[in-house]
Amino acid sequence: MKYLDEFRDPEIAKQILSEIHKTVTKPWVIMEICGGQTHSIIRNGLDQVLPKEIELVHGPGCPVCVTPLEIIDKAIAIAGKPNVIFTSFGDMLRVPGSKKDLFMVKSEGSDVRTVYSPLEALTIAKANPDKEVVFFAVGFETTAPGNAMAIHQAAMEGIKNFSELVSHVLVPPAMEALLSSPENRVQGYLAAGHVCTIMGWEEYDPIAEKYKVPIIPTGFEPVDILEGILLVVKQLEEGRHEVENQYLRSVKREGNPVAQNLISEIYEVTDRKWRGIGEIPMSGFVIREKYKLFDAEDKFSVGDIHADEPELCISGVILQGLKKPHECPAFGKECTPTTPLGATMVSSEGACAAYYKYQRMGK
């Protein structure tokens, strides 16, 4: 299949891997931002065939994983209200809140449904005019255009029983927050290719310059990731720090202006709390005042919920690249996919889920 098989070709992968081994002379720490990249790395064993000098650490690019506990509790509170149909992508249903998850709310009799797009939720709202239909709008810049389109369409059609509980977060502020931390270990980034497809890479230029780190927008297949690593290593070895696009088949410097304009029409940038990390200034989206009719947090008055993370869970440290999942004392014991303490063990993009699934127990 074009643009898939060739990026899984083992012979091409071996050639790039050989070039990496020839190029590296010093220890380097590289962070892949996206959880999809993390799963590809662990599934294909890429980290195990790299030179010992290269350490890959896993970043906060899993939107399910960084959705704050308070937002999960707000979702649970809204879903439990009478006359509400609560809709969400499936991986959010198992994410633990303070006391329960959305699956438990569903088992208690609430109308919680899995959907595959926000427009499907809008269709449900049209078919149930006597119900309030809420869509759990979680994600990075990648999913923001679709979620914005649902609100735009609802406004155009005058559908007033549809709203979104928004927990959108933005990648560049998180990258900068990690780099500015006194505990930072990251020396180069593999940026999330799908985010850059929407937003382009211009906003990464000042980050690369300020913190002297290479940033490489990278795809998700083994060849993509190995080539991204090679580009990072070459820059590090040469003392360069630039944004260099590996994901040429999808990413343009300016991104997708149509999608960006739609996002800007519906949402505005705000401070956001990240689960396990804390508040990052100007790192998320909130629905603009013009479209507040479609803001579930406002409509259902659930803005004053606060919660604390489980003490055993170190997912925040893992998301900052400071530890690996198997270094958590609860990993594979108190915390498993069936009894998760944190979202990183639940999400299909979570680092803990990847380590558990592919039996990376640190032995």
Protein backbone atom coordinates (compact mmCIF):
# COMPACT_ATOMS: atom_id res chain seq x y z
CA MET A 1 0.00 0.00 0.00
CA LYS A 2 1.47 3.34 -1.05
CA TYR A 3 2.78 5.44 1.86
CA LEU A 4 2.49 2.51 4.23
CA ASP A 5 4.33 -0.62 3.11
CA GLU A 6 7.45 1.27 2.07
CA PHE A 7 7.62 2.87 5.52
CA ARG A 8 7.59 -0.59 7.09
CA ASP A 9 10.25 -2.04 4.78
CA PRO A 10 12.81 -3.87 6.98
CA GLU A 11 15.65 -3.38 4.49
CA ILE A 12 15.17 0.39 4.43
CA ALA A 13 14.93 0.37 8.21
CA LYS A 14 18.22 -1.53 8.46
CA GLN A 15 19.96 0.99 6.18
CA ILE A 16 18.81 3.94 8.30
CA LEU A 17 19.72 2.10 11.49
CA SER A 18 23.20 1.47 10.13
CA GLU A 19 23.55 5.18 9.37
CA ILE A 20 22.49 6.05 12.92
CA HIS A 21 25.16 3.70 14.33
CA LYS A 22 27.80 5.33 12.11
CA THR A 23 26.73 8.87 13.05
CA VAL A 24 26.39 8.77 16.84
CA THR A 25 29.47 9.40 18.99
CA LYS A 26 27.96 10.76 22.23
CA PRO A 27 25.05 9.98 24.54
CA TRP A 28 21.82 11.74 23.54
CA VAL A 29 18.30 11.81 25.01
CA ILE A 30 15.53 12.13 22.43
CA MET A 31 11.83 12.47 23.23
CA GLU A 32 9.09 11.31 20.91
CA ILE A 33 6.12 13.56 21.63
CA CYS A 34 3.23 11.43 20.41
CA GLY A 35 1.85 8.32 22.10
CA GLY A 36 1.27 6.82 18.66
CA GLN A 37 5.00 7.09 18.05
CA THR A 38 5.66 5.52 21.46
CA HIS A 39 3.54 2.49 20.62
CA SER A 40 5.22 2.12 17.22
CA ILE A 41 8.66 2.27 18.87
CA ILE A 42 7.82 -0.33 21.54
CA ARG A 43 5.79 -2.59 19.23
CA ASN A 44 8.60 -2.74 16.67
CA GLY A 45 11.43 -2.84 19.22
CA LEU A 46 13.11 0.22 17.72
CA ASP A 47 14.54 1.36 21.04
CA GLN A 48 16.21 -2.03 21.47
CA VAL A 49 18.19 -1.86 18.23
CA LEU A 50 19.44 1.72 18.55
CA PRO A 51 23.02 2.42 19.64
CA LYS A 52 23.42 2.35 23.43
CA GLU A 53 24.26 6.06 23.31
CA ILE A 54 20.69 6.95 22.29
CA GLU A 55 17.95 6.94 24.91
CA LEU A 56 14.34 7.45 23.85
CA VAL A 57 12.01 8.96 26.45
CA HIS A 58 8.26 9.22 26.11
CA GLY A 59 6.47 12.55 26.00
CA PRO A 60 3.06 13.97 26.94
CA GLY A 61 1.58 13.58 23.45
CA CYS A 62 -1.28 11.30 24.49
CA PRO A 63 -4.38 13.49 24.83
CA VAL A 64 -6.26 10.89 26.87
CA CYS A 65 -3.32 10.63 29.27
CA VAL A 66 -3.05 14.37 29.96
CA THR A 67 -6.77 15.07 30.34
CA PRO A 68 -6.91 16.33 33.94
CA LEU A 69 -8.67 14.39 36.64
CA GLU A 70 -11.07 17.29 37.20
CA ILE A 71 -12.29 17.09 33.61
CA ILE A 72 -12.92 13.35 33.96
CA ASP A 73 -14.93 14.05 37.11
CA LYS A 74 -16.86 16.76 35.27
CA ALA A 75 -17.62 14.30 32.47
CA ILE A 76 -18.85 11.78 35.02
CA ALA A 77 -21.01 14.43 36.71
CA ILE A 78 -22.59 15.52 33.41
CA ALA A 79 -23.09 11.94 32.18
CA GLY A 80 -24.93 11.08 35.39
CA LYS A 81 -27.50 13.84 34.98
CA PRO A 82 -31.04 12.96 33.85
CA ASN A 83 -32.00 13.67 30.26
CA VAL A 84 -28.35 13.61 29.07
CA ILE A 85 -26.83 11.45 26.33
CA PHE A 86 -23.07 11.59 26.90
CA THR A 87 -20.93 10.68 23.88
CA SER A 88 -17.21 10.04 23.66
CA PHE A 89 -14.48 8.20 21.83
CA GLY A 90 -14.11 4.78 23.41
CA ASP A 91 -10.71 5.19 25.05
CA MET A 92 -12.06 7.89 27.39
CA LEU A 93 -14.62 5.56 28.98
CA ARG A 94 -12.03 3.60 31.01
CA VAL A 95 -10.00 6.58 32.21
CA PRO A 96 -10.35 6.65 36.00
CA GLY A 97 -11.80 9.68 37.72
CA SER A 98 -11.59 10.24 41.46
CA LYS A 99 -14.05 7.46 42.29
CA LYS A 100 -15.32 5.90 39.06
CA ASP A 101 -15.06 6.00 35.27
CA LEU A 102 -17.60 6.57 32.50
CA PHE A 103 -18.12 2.83 32.02
CA MET A 104 -19.26 2.60 35.62
CA VAL A 105 -21.63 5.54 35.06
CA LYS A 106 -23.02 3.68 32.05
CA SER A 107 -23.45 0.50 34.11
CA GLU A 108 -25.44 2.51 36.63
CA GLY A 109 -28.00 3.33 33.97
CA SER A 110 -26.83 6.58 32.42
CA ASP A 111 -26.91 6.96 28.62
CA VAL A 112 -23.20 6.92 27.73
CA ARG A 113 -22.40 6.12 24.11
CA THR A 114 -19.24 5.51 22.12
CA VAL A 115 -19.07 7.49 18.87
CA TYR A 116 -16.47 7.68 16.13
CA SER A 117 -16.72 11.40 15.36
CA PRO A 118 -18.24 14.55 16.88
CA LEU A 119 -20.55 14.79 13.86
CA GLU A 120 -22.00 11.42 14.87
CA ALA A 121 -22.81 12.97 18.24
CA LEU A 122 -24.47 15.87 16.43
CA THR A 123 -26.59 13.38 14.48
CA ILE A 124 -27.67 11.84 17.78
CA ALA A 125 -28.68 15.31 18.99
CA LYS A 126 -30.84 15.84 15.90
CA ALA A 127 -32.54 12.48 16.44
CA ASN A 128 -33.18 13.21 20.16
CA PRO A 129 -34.41 16.82 20.39
CA ASP A 130 -35.79 16.19 23.91
CA LYS A 131 -32.33 15.18 25.22
CA GLU A 132 -29.14 17.11 25.91
CA VAL A 133 -26.34 15.49 23.88
CA VAL A 134 -22.79 16.14 25.07
CA PHE A 135 -19.60 15.22 23.19
CA PHE A 136 -16.35 14.80 25.13
CA ALA A 137 -13.98 16.91 22.99
CA VAL A 138 -10.52 15.68 23.94
CA GLY A 139 -7.35 15.91 21.89
CA PHE A 140 -4.49 17.94 20.52
CA GLU A 141 -4.59 20.22 17.51
CA THR A 142 -5.20 17.12 15.39
CA THR A 143 -8.81 16.55 16.49
CA ALA A 144 -9.68 20.21 17.05
CA PRO A 145 -10.90 20.89 13.46
CA GLY A 146 -13.47 18.07 13.60
CA ASN A 147 -14.68 19.14 17.03
CA ALA A 148 -14.87 22.76 15.89
CA MET A 149 -16.82 21.71 12.81
CA ALA A 150 -19.45 20.00 14.98
CA ILE A 151 -20.08 23.25 16.87
CA HIS A 152 -20.03 25.26 13.64
CA GLN A 153 -22.59 22.91 12.11
CA ALA A 154 -24.79 22.97 15.22
CA ALA A 155 -24.77 26.78 15.16
CA MET A 156 -25.58 26.86 11.43
CA GLU A 157 -28.53 24.49 11.88
CA GLY A 158 -29.76 25.98 15.14
CA ILE A 159 -29.30 22.73 17.10
CA LYS A 160 -29.40 23.89 20.72
CA ASN A 161 -29.35 20.51 22.50
CA PHE A 162 -25.75 19.77 21.51
CA SER A 163 -22.68 20.80 23.50
CA GLU A 164 -19.04 19.84 24.01
CA LEU A 165 -17.03 19.26 27.18
CA VAL A 166 -13.72 20.60 25.90
CA SER A 167 -10.28 19.46 27.04
CA HIS A 168 -8.11 20.39 24.07
CA VAL A 169 -4.39 20.86 24.70
CA LEU A 170 -1.58 22.24 22.52
CA VAL A 171 1.78 20.63 21.87
CA PRO A 172 4.29 23.54 21.57
CA PRO A 173 3.60 25.01 25.06
CA ALA A 174 4.07 21.54 26.58
CA MET A 175 7.37 21.07 24.76
CA GLU A 176 8.56 24.43 26.05
CA ALA A 177 7.37 23.65 29.59
CA LEU A 178 9.47 20.47 29.63
CA LEU A 179 12.53 22.20 28.20
CA SER A 180 12.33 25.00 30.77
CA SER A 181 12.13 22.59 33.71
CA PRO A 182 15.30 22.27 35.85
CA GLU A 183 14.81 18.48 35.62
CA ASN A 184 14.71 18.45 31.82
CA ARG A 185 16.67 15.68 30.09
CA VAL A 186 15.42 16.20 26.52
CA GLN A 187 18.07 17.16 23.95
CA GLY A 188 16.02 16.64 20.79
CA TYR A 189 12.37 16.13 19.81
CA LEU A 190 10.49 13.95 17.39
CA ALA A 191 7.44 16.18 16.94
CA ALA A 192 3.98 14.75 16.27
CA GLY A 193 3.48 14.55 12.52
CA HIS A 194 -0.32 14.67 12.59
CA VAL A 195 -0.32 17.82 14.77
CA CYS A 196 2.11 19.48 12.35
CA THR A 197 -0.13 18.44 9.45
CA ILE A 198 -2.78 20.77 10.91
CA MET A 199 -0.63 23.52 12.44
CA GLY A 200 2.57 23.40 10.38
CA TRP A 201 5.94 23.83 12.05
CA GLU A 202 6.55 27.59 12.14
CA GLU A 203 5.70 27.77 15.85
CA TYR A 204 8.54 25.31 16.58
CA ASP A 205 11.25 27.55 15.13
CA PRO A 206 11.54 29.87 18.17
CA ILE A 207 11.52 26.88 20.55
CA ALA A 208 14.38 25.19 18.67
CA GLU A 209 16.36 28.43 18.71
CA LYS A 210 15.66 29.38 22.34
CA TYR A 211 16.47 25.99 23.85
CA LYS A 212 19.05 24.85 21.26
CA VAL A 213 17.21 21.60 20.46
CA PRO A 214 16.55 19.93 17.09
CA ILE A 215 12.82 19.44 16.43
CA ILE A 216 11.84 16.96 13.72
CA PRO A 217 8.17 16.59 12.68
CA THR A 218 8.03 12.81 12.26
CA GLY A 219 5.59 10.16 11.06
CA PHE A 220 4.51 6.99 12.82
CA GLU A 221 5.86 4.00 10.90
CA PRO A 222 9.23 2.37 11.74
CA VAL A 223 11.07 3.96 8.82
CA ASP A 224 9.61 7.37 9.68
CA ILE A 225 10.76 7.13 13.28
CA LEU A 226 14.23 5.84 12.47
CA GLU A 227 14.70 8.59 9.89
CA GLY A 228 13.50 11.16 12.43
CA ILE A 229 16.01 9.84 14.97
CA LEU A 230 18.78 10.01 12.37
CA LEU A 231 17.94 13.64 11.58
CA VAL A 232 17.98 14.54 15.29
CA VAL A 233 21.29 12.74 15.87
CA LYS A 234 22.95 14.40 12.88
CA GLN A 235 21.98 17.83 14.18
CA LEU A 236 23.11 17.05 17.73
CA GLU A 237 26.44 15.69 16.55
CA GLU A 238 26.97 18.75 14.34
CA GLY A 239 25.89 21.23 17.02
CA ARG A 240 22.83 22.39 15.06
CA HIS A 241 19.32 23.06 16.38
CA GLU A 242 16.75 23.48 13.62
CA VAL A 243 13.27 22.35 12.66
CA GLU A 244 13.64 19.77 9.91
CA ASN A 245 10.62 18.03 8.38
CA GLN A 246 10.78 14.24 8.10
CA TYR A 247 7.04 13.80 7.42
CA LEU A 248 7.18 15.28 3.94
CA ARG A 249 4.21 13.33 2.61
CA SER A 250 1.85 15.03 5.06
CA VAL A 251 3.36 18.15 6.64
CA LYS A 252 3.84 21.59 5.10
CA ARG A 253 5.51 24.51 6.83
CA GLU A 254 2.26 26.48 6.96
CA GLY A 255 0.10 23.48 7.88
CA ASN A 256 -3.57 23.51 6.89
CA PRO A 257 -4.87 27.13 6.91
CA VAL A 258 -8.50 26.09 6.38
CA ALA A 259 -8.43 23.87 9.47
CA GLN A 260 -6.59 26.55 11.46
CA ASN A 261 -9.22 29.17 10.56
CA LEU A 262 -12.04 26.87 11.66
CA ILE A 263 -10.31 26.19 14.98
CA SER A 264 -9.79 29.93 15.51
CA GLU A 265 -13.45 30.66 14.74
CA ILE A 266 -14.76 28.31 17.45
CA TYR A 267 -12.00 28.18 20.08
CA GLU A 268 -9.59 30.58 21.75
CA VAL A 269 -6.34 29.78 23.56
CA THR A 270 -6.38 29.52 27.34
CA ASP A 271 -4.30 28.17 30.23
CA ARG A 272 -4.83 24.43 30.72
CA LYS A 273 -4.04 21.93 33.43
CA TRP A 274 -2.33 18.74 32.24
CA ARG A 275 -2.88 15.54 34.19
CA GLY A 276 0.22 14.69 36.20
CA ILE A 277 2.07 17.80 35.02
CA GLY A 278 0.09 20.82 36.22
CA GLU A 279 -1.05 24.03 34.61
CA ILE A 280 0.76 25.17 31.48
CA PRO A 281 0.05 28.75 30.36
CA MET A 282 -1.76 29.20 27.04
CA SER A 283 -1.68 25.49 26.33
CA GLY A 284 -5.27 24.66 25.46
CA PHE A 285 -8.50 25.67 23.78
CA VAL A 286 -11.75 26.91 25.27
CA ILE A 287 -15.00 27.66 23.42
CA ARG A 288 -15.32 31.33 22.47
CA GLU A 289 -18.01 33.47 24.09
CA LYS A 290 -19.87 33.64 20.77
CA TYR A 291 -20.45 29.86 20.96
CA LYS A 292 -20.94 29.48 24.74
CA LEU A 293 -24.35 27.90 24.07
CA PHE A 294 -22.36 24.80 23.07
CA ASP A 295 -20.07 24.73 26.13
CA ALA A 296 -21.16 21.81 28.33
CA GLU A 297 -19.04 22.96 31.26
CA ASP A 298 -20.96 26.23 31.25
CA LYS A 299 -24.36 24.71 30.44
CA PHE A 300 -24.25 22.18 33.28
CA SER A 301 -22.42 24.37 35.84
CA VAL A 302 -19.67 21.89 36.70
CA GLY A 303 -16.80 24.37 36.83
CA ASP A 304 -15.97 23.99 40.53
CA ILE A 305 -14.88 20.34 40.66
CA HIS A 306 -11.37 19.65 41.98
CA ALA A 307 -9.58 16.33 42.54
CA ASP A 308 -6.24 14.83 43.60
CA GLU A 309 -4.21 12.19 41.73
CA PRO A 310 -3.65 8.73 43.28
CA GLU A 311 -0.41 8.81 45.27
CA LEU A 312 0.86 5.56 43.75
CA CYS A 313 0.58 6.80 40.14
CA ILE A 314 3.72 8.41 38.67
CA SER A 315 2.26 8.99 35.19
CA GLY A 316 3.14 12.68 35.35
CA VAL A 317 6.82 11.85 35.81
CA ILE A 318 6.62 9.37 32.93
CA LEU A 319 4.94 11.94 30.67
CA GLN A 320 7.83 14.33 31.35
CA GLY A 321 10.38 11.75 30.22
CA LEU A 322 11.92 11.47 33.69
CA LYS A 323 11.04 7.81 34.26
CA LYS A 324 9.93 4.79 32.25
CA PRO A 325 6.68 2.93 33.01
CA HIS A 326 8.39 -0.16 34.45
CA GLU A 327 10.07 2.07 37.04
CA CYS A 328 6.70 2.75 38.67
CA PRO A 329 6.27 0.54 41.76
CA ALA A 330 2.59 -0.01 40.89
CA PHE A 331 3.25 -1.00 37.24
CA GLY A 332 1.81 -4.44 36.48
CA LYS A 333 0.76 -4.85 40.12
CA GLU A 334 -1.81 -2.41 41.50
CA CYS A 335 -1.94 -0.79 38.06
CA THR A 336 -2.92 -2.93 35.05
CA PRO A 337 -5.21 -2.33 32.05
CA THR A 338 -8.11 -3.85 34.01
CA THR A 339 -7.29 -1.95 37.22
CA PRO A 340 -5.67 1.28 35.99
CA LEU A 341 -4.48 3.95 38.39
CA GLY A 342 -3.82 6.47 35.64
CA ALA A 343 -4.73 7.24 32.06
CA THR A 344 -1.33 6.15 30.70
CA MET A 345 -2.35 2.53 31.41
CA VAL A 346 -5.76 2.93 29.72
CA SER A 347 -5.20 4.89 26.55
CA SER A 348 -4.36 3.17 23.28
CA GLU A 349 -1.53 5.74 23.07
CA GLY A 350 -0.39 5.54 26.70
CA ALA A 351 3.23 4.65 27.43
CA CYS A 352 2.28 2.38 30.35
CA ALA A 353 -0.21 0.52 28.16
CA ALA A 354 2.50 -0.01 25.53
CA TYR A 355 5.01 -1.34 28.07
CA TYR A 356 2.40 -3.66 29.57
CA LYS A 357 1.09 -4.94 26.24
CA TYR A 358 4.55 -5.68 24.84
CA GLN A 359 5.91 -6.99 28.17
CA ARG A 360 8.58 -4.36 28.75
CA MET A 361 9.06 -5.10 32.43
CA GLY A 362 12.54 -3.65 32.71
CA LYS A 363 14.33 -6.97 33.04
